[in-house]
């Protein structure tokens, strides 16, 4: 299996996960209409943890890694992303800009883990940086600057969580979904405290008092579809196939996100957004697949 192409069933599963994750951004926008963003993030992880933790045994990982994972990839990433969409960041652009996490991960891995940069990674990083600058320069064109900066910060927090995930992997094979479920116990309290501080108890109480079925559907989608189903299937695929055969599917997430944002909310992009997005995705492709090309051209050190 490690050297075979994806079976038709697994290919369909991979595409379903990408669809779920791409639509996820539009669901966030629906959710923040009825619930403040920090409270929405707290509810997401409460529903992801309960009752799922009753069916999974906690992996034997140090408590500090559960805390670090929960505070970076969960509290940090999603509090910033939800707030970005709340203040007006278009969902399609959010799905695109968030992919910059791959490059921030490369930077952090070089700094913290002393990983050596390869030529294709440096070239991809330059392309991605130019793409982000172009997108950021277009604030005011259907995109607030605050929303863009918050989304970039969310990508940074995701990359920090990726470094923590590397550390978790040192403790041997484990059920990654079980780790995600038990790590979901960490975010609710910090997020509820942040919500009380930033959004206020009155806003929290009003949101819960007027909690609608539409809001519940959004929270359930974020917790069960995007988190449990998505990570569960993705973990299984990574266990059966090489990462370099599975990971590139995430390049389709912005395509789904941009399409969903356009269909659901009429989000229109400007030419500068397309140009910046093209450079960002080109940099990501170069980062993933450029190594072999550079070796053939004898540019790889």
Protein backbone atom coordinates (compact mmCIF):
# COMPACT_ATOMS: atom_id res chain seq x y z
CA UNK A 1 0.00 0.00 0.00
CA UNK A 2 2.85 2.41 0.76
CA UNK A 3 3.93 2.35 -2.89
CA UNK A 4 0.54 1.99 -4.58
CA UNK A 5 -1.72 4.76 -5.88
CA UNK A 6 -4.78 5.60 -3.82
CA UNK A 7 -7.53 3.04 -4.21
CA UNK A 8 -10.78 4.46 -5.67
CA UNK A 9 -12.46 4.31 -2.25
CA UNK A 10 -9.61 6.15 -0.55
CA UNK A 11 -9.46 8.70 -3.37
CA UNK A 12 -13.15 9.45 -2.85
CA UNK A 13 -12.61 9.76 0.91
CA UNK A 14 -9.72 12.19 0.36
CA UNK A 15 -11.84 14.35 -1.92
CA UNK A 16 -14.75 14.30 0.54
CA UNK A 17 -12.45 15.53 3.32
CA UNK A 18 -11.17 18.34 1.08
CA UNK A 19 -14.78 19.28 0.31
CA UNK A 20 -15.64 19.30 4.02
CA UNK A 21 -12.61 21.40 4.91
CA UNK A 22 -13.20 23.82 2.02
CA UNK A 23 -16.85 24.41 2.98
CA UNK A 24 -15.72 24.81 6.60
CA UNK A 25 -14.87 28.49 6.00
CA UNK A 26 -18.37 29.35 4.83
CA UNK A 27 -19.82 27.52 7.84
CA UNK A 28 -17.65 29.65 10.13
CA UNK A 29 -19.17 32.76 8.57
CA UNK A 30 -22.65 31.40 9.22
CA UNK A 31 -21.71 30.56 12.79
CA UNK A 32 -20.30 33.97 13.72
CA UNK A 33 -23.57 35.60 12.67
CA UNK A 34 -25.31 34.19 15.74
CA UNK A 35 -22.41 33.61 18.15
CA UNK A 36 -19.34 35.74 18.93
CA UNK A 37 -16.23 34.18 17.33
CA UNK A 38 -14.37 33.24 20.50
CA UNK A 39 -17.47 31.67 22.02
CA UNK A 40 -18.10 29.81 18.75
CA UNK A 41 -14.57 28.38 18.88
CA UNK A 42 -15.13 27.25 22.48
CA UNK A 43 -18.39 25.51 21.56
CA UNK A 44 -16.68 23.80 18.64
CA UNK A 45 -14.12 22.09 20.85
CA UNK A 46 -16.59 21.28 23.60
CA UNK A 47 -18.69 19.40 21.07
CA UNK A 48 -15.59 17.79 19.54
CA UNK A 49 -14.48 16.47 22.94
CA UNK A 50 -17.84 15.31 24.29
CA UNK A 51 -18.96 12.59 23.97
CA UNK A 52 -16.15 11.43 21.65
CA UNK A 53 -13.60 11.06 24.46
CA UNK A 54 -15.77 8.28 25.91
CA UNK A 55 -14.84 6.14 22.90
CA UNK A 56 -11.10 6.84 22.76
CA UNK A 57 -8.29 6.11 25.14
CA UNK A 58 -5.93 9.01 25.68
CA UNK A 59 -2.55 8.38 23.96
CA UNK A 60 0.44 8.28 26.29
CA UNK A 61 1.79 11.74 25.52
CA UNK A 62 3.13 14.22 28.12
CA UNK A 63 0.55 16.67 29.40
CA UNK A 64 2.65 19.64 28.24
CA UNK A 65 2.22 18.53 24.60
CA UNK A 66 -1.55 18.30 24.99
CA UNK A 67 -1.47 21.83 26.41
CA UNK A 68 0.85 23.19 23.73
CA UNK A 69 -1.17 21.61 20.92
CA UNK A 70 -4.43 22.89 22.35
CA UNK A 71 -3.12 26.41 22.86
CA UNK A 72 -1.49 26.76 19.43
CA UNK A 73 -3.36 24.85 16.76
CA UNK A 74 -6.73 25.10 18.53
CA UNK A 75 -6.97 28.24 20.68
CA UNK A 76 -4.47 30.32 18.69
CA UNK A 77 -5.42 29.31 15.17
CA UNK A 78 -9.18 29.22 15.47
CA UNK A 79 -9.68 32.22 17.75
CA UNK A 80 -7.77 34.31 15.19
CA UNK A 81 -9.40 32.72 12.13
CA UNK A 82 -12.94 32.99 13.51
CA UNK A 83 -12.32 36.61 14.50
CA UNK A 84 -10.86 37.36 11.05
CA UNK A 85 -14.02 36.11 9.34
CA UNK A 86 -16.14 37.93 11.92
CA UNK A 87 -14.51 41.28 11.05
CA UNK A 88 -15.06 40.75 7.34
CA UNK A 89 -12.31 38.55 5.87
CA UNK A 90 -13.85 36.84 2.83
CA UNK A 91 -14.11 33.10 3.42
CA UNK A 92 -12.49 32.18 0.10
CA UNK A 93 -9.47 34.41 0.70
CA UNK A 94 -9.22 33.08 4.25
CA UNK A 95 -8.99 29.51 2.93
CA UNK A 96 -6.21 30.65 0.57
CA UNK A 97 -4.15 32.78 2.95
CA UNK A 98 -4.31 30.12 5.66
CA UNK A 99 -2.30 27.80 3.40
CA UNK A 100 0.73 30.00 4.14
CA UNK A 101 1.08 27.87 7.26
CA UNK A 102 3.24 25.51 5.19
CA UNK A 103 5.88 28.19 4.81
CA UNK A 104 5.73 29.39 8.39
CA UNK A 105 6.20 25.75 9.39
CA UNK A 106 9.34 25.63 7.24
CA UNK A 107 10.67 28.76 8.96
CA UNK A 108 9.92 27.48 12.46
CA UNK A 109 11.33 24.04 11.71
CA UNK A 110 14.58 25.66 10.58
CA UNK A 111 14.74 27.76 13.75
CA UNK A 112 13.53 25.30 16.40
CA UNK A 113 14.40 21.93 14.87
CA UNK A 114 17.51 23.06 12.96
CA UNK A 115 16.14 21.57 9.75
CA UNK A 116 18.15 22.50 6.68
CA UNK A 117 16.39 24.46 3.99
CA UNK A 118 16.40 23.06 0.49
CA UNK A 119 16.65 25.25 -2.58
CA UNK A 120 13.09 24.58 -3.69
CA UNK A 121 11.80 25.47 -0.21
CA UNK A 122 13.60 28.82 -0.24
CA UNK A 123 12.32 29.59 -3.75
CA UNK A 124 8.79 28.59 -2.72
CA UNK A 125 9.03 30.77 0.38
CA UNK A 126 9.97 33.82 -1.72
CA UNK A 127 7.05 33.23 -4.11
CA UNK A 128 4.63 32.77 -1.22
CA UNK A 129 5.90 35.93 0.52
CA UNK A 130 5.38 37.99 -2.63
CA UNK A 131 1.90 36.50 -3.00
CA UNK A 132 0.98 37.40 0.57
CA UNK A 133 2.28 40.95 0.12
CA UNK A 134 0.14 41.34 -3.02
CA UNK A 135 -2.97 40.05 -1.24
CA UNK A 136 -2.28 42.21 1.80
CA UNK A 137 -1.77 45.30 -0.36
CA UNK A 138 -5.31 44.89 -1.66
CA UNK A 139 -6.97 45.60 1.68
CA UNK A 140 -10.08 47.67 1.15
CA UNK A 141 -10.88 45.73 -2.02
CA UNK A 142 -13.49 43.44 -0.42
CA UNK A 143 -11.02 42.66 2.37
CA UNK A 144 -10.25 44.51 5.63
CA UNK A 145 -6.58 44.73 6.59
CA UNK A 146 -7.41 43.49 10.10
CA UNK A 147 -9.01 40.37 8.66
CA UNK A 148 -5.98 39.65 6.49
CA UNK A 149 -3.50 40.13 9.37
CA UNK A 150 -5.59 37.96 11.70
CA UNK A 151 -5.68 35.19 9.08
CA UNK A 152 -1.90 35.36 8.64
CA UNK A 153 -1.54 35.19 12.44
CA UNK A 154 -3.83 32.13 12.43
CA UNK A 155 -1.53 30.51 9.87
CA UNK A 156 1.45 31.22 12.15
CA UNK A 157 -0.33 29.57 15.07
CA UNK A 158 -1.18 26.55 12.91
CA UNK A 159 2.51 26.25 12.02
CA UNK A 160 3.41 26.39 15.72
CA UNK A 161 0.97 23.54 16.25
CA UNK A 162 2.69 21.61 13.46
CA UNK A 163 5.98 21.85 15.36
CA UNK A 164 4.22 20.52 18.46
CA UNK A 165 2.79 17.68 16.35
CA UNK A 166 6.34 16.78 15.32
CA UNK A 167 7.20 16.46 19.01
CA UNK A 168 4.11 14.31 19.61
CA UNK A 169 5.26 11.97 16.84
CA UNK A 170 8.40 11.14 18.81
CA UNK A 171 6.29 9.08 21.21
CA UNK A 172 5.67 6.40 18.62
CA UNK A 173 2.65 5.25 16.60
CA UNK A 174 -0.67 6.29 18.09
CA UNK A 175 -4.26 7.01 17.22
CA UNK A 176 -3.95 10.62 16.06
CA UNK A 177 -7.72 11.10 16.16
CA UNK A 178 -7.70 10.07 19.83
CA UNK A 179 -5.00 12.65 20.46
CA UNK A 180 -7.08 15.34 18.72
CA UNK A 181 -10.17 14.39 20.74
CA UNK A 182 -8.37 14.52 24.09
CA UNK A 183 -6.48 17.68 23.11
CA UNK A 184 -9.90 19.24 22.48
CA UNK A 185 -10.32 19.35 26.26
CA UNK A 186 -7.72 22.13 26.42
CA UNK A 187 -9.29 24.95 24.33
CA UNK A 188 -12.77 25.44 25.88
CA UNK A 189 -11.72 27.08 29.16
CA UNK A 190 -9.14 29.51 27.65
CA UNK A 191 -11.56 30.37 24.86
CA UNK A 192 -14.43 30.95 27.28
CA UNK A 193 -12.21 33.21 29.40
CA UNK A 194 -11.10 35.11 26.29
CA UNK A 195 -14.71 35.43 25.18
CA UNK A 196 -15.74 36.81 28.57
CA UNK A 197 -12.86 39.29 28.48
CA UNK A 198 -13.07 40.42 24.84
CA UNK A 199 -16.70 39.85 23.89
CA UNK A 200 -18.26 40.30 27.31
CA UNK A 201 -20.56 38.15 29.46
CA UNK A 202 -23.60 39.99 28.13
CA UNK A 203 -22.83 39.07 24.52
CA UNK A 204 -22.15 35.48 25.55
CA UNK A 205 -25.43 35.23 27.45
CA UNK A 206 -27.40 36.80 24.60
CA UNK A 207 -25.89 34.40 22.06
CA UNK A 208 -26.72 31.36 24.17
CA UNK A 209 -30.20 32.66 24.94
CA UNK A 210 -30.99 33.07 21.25
CA UNK A 211 -29.13 29.96 20.12
CA UNK A 212 -30.78 28.84 16.87
CA UNK A 213 -30.85 25.55 15.01
CA UNK A 214 -28.79 27.19 12.28
CA UNK A 215 -26.11 28.07 14.80
CA UNK A 216 -26.19 24.56 16.27
CA UNK A 217 -25.82 23.10 12.77
CA UNK A 218 -22.76 25.30 12.21
CA UNK A 219 -21.17 24.24 15.51
CA UNK A 220 -21.97 20.57 14.83
CA UNK A 221 -20.42 20.82 11.37
CA UNK A 222 -17.24 22.41 12.74
CA UNK A 223 -16.94 19.83 15.54
CA UNK A 224 -18.09 16.61 13.93
CA UNK A 225 -17.52 17.06 10.20
CA UNK A 226 -14.45 19.32 10.00
CA UNK A 227 -12.72 18.06 13.16
CA UNK A 228 -13.67 14.46 13.91
CA UNK A 229 -14.59 13.15 10.47
CA UNK A 230 -11.94 15.19 8.65
CA UNK A 231 -9.06 14.37 10.95
CA UNK A 232 -10.22 10.78 11.39
CA UNK A 233 -10.25 10.02 7.67
CA UNK A 234 -7.08 12.04 7.04
CA UNK A 235 -5.20 10.17 9.76
CA UNK A 236 -6.26 6.86 8.24
CA UNK A 237 -5.05 7.92 4.80
CA UNK A 238 -1.69 9.04 6.16
CA UNK A 239 -1.36 5.69 7.91
CA UNK A 240 -1.89 3.78 4.65
CA UNK A 241 -0.05 5.96 2.13
CA UNK A 242 3.10 8.11 2.02
CA UNK A 243 2.54 11.68 3.17
CA UNK A 244 3.69 13.06 -0.18
CA UNK A 245 0.78 11.24 -1.87
CA UNK A 246 -1.83 12.49 0.56
CA UNK A 247 -0.72 16.00 1.60
CA UNK A 248 -0.97 17.57 -1.90
CA UNK A 249 -4.75 17.11 -1.80
CA UNK A 250 -4.89 20.06 0.63
CA UNK A 251 -4.01 22.29 -2.33
CA UNK A 252 -7.64 21.82 -3.37
CA UNK A 253 -9.00 23.35 -0.13
CA UNK A 254 -8.68 26.97 -1.36
CA UNK A 255 -10.37 26.01 -4.63
CA UNK A 256 -13.38 24.70 -2.69
CA UNK A 257 -13.23 27.64 -0.28
CA UNK A 258 -13.13 30.25 -3.05
CA UNK A 259 -15.93 28.54 -4.97
CA UNK A 260 -18.12 28.21 -1.87
CA UNK A 261 -17.55 31.84 -0.89
CA UNK A 262 -18.54 32.96 -4.38
CA UNK A 263 -21.66 30.75 -4.56
CA UNK A 264 -22.87 31.32 -0.99
CA UNK A 265 -21.95 34.95 -0.38
CA UNK A 266 -21.12 36.41 -3.77
CA UNK A 267 -17.51 37.05 -2.75
CA UNK A 268 -15.77 38.54 -5.78
CA UNK A 269 -11.99 38.68 -6.04
CA UNK A 270 -9.99 41.45 -7.65
CA UNK A 271 -7.18 40.77 -10.18
CA UNK A 272 -4.58 41.48 -7.48
CA UNK A 273 -6.14 38.77 -5.32
CA UNK A 274 -5.86 36.26 -8.17
CA UNK A 275 -2.26 37.27 -8.82
CA UNK A 276 -1.31 36.99 -5.15
CA UNK A 277 -3.15 33.70 -4.78
CA UNK A 278 -1.47 32.28 -7.86
CA UNK A 279 1.98 33.17 -6.47
CA UNK A 280 1.09 31.71 -3.07
CA UNK A 281 -0.10 28.43 -4.57
CA UNK A 282 2.86 28.31 -6.97
CA UNK A 283 5.17 28.67 -3.99
CA UNK A 284 3.36 25.86 -2.19
CA UNK A 285 3.61 23.60 -5.25
CA UNK A 286 7.31 24.40 -5.56
CA UNK A 287 7.78 23.62 -1.88
CA UNK A 288 6.06 20.24 -2.24
CA UNK A 289 7.26 19.05 -5.63
CA UNK A 290 10.23 21.23 -6.57
CA UNK A 291 12.85 19.07 -4.88
CA UNK A 292 12.97 16.47 -7.65
CA UNK A 293 13.03 19.13 -10.35
CA UNK A 294 15.93 20.96 -8.71
CA UNK A 295 17.83 17.71 -8.30
CA UNK A 296 17.44 16.96 -11.99
CA UNK A 297 18.67 20.46 -12.78
CA UNK A 298 21.51 20.01 -10.28
CA UNK A 299 20.43 23.03 -8.27
CA UNK A 300 19.91 21.10 -5.03
CA UNK A 301 22.80 21.46 -2.52
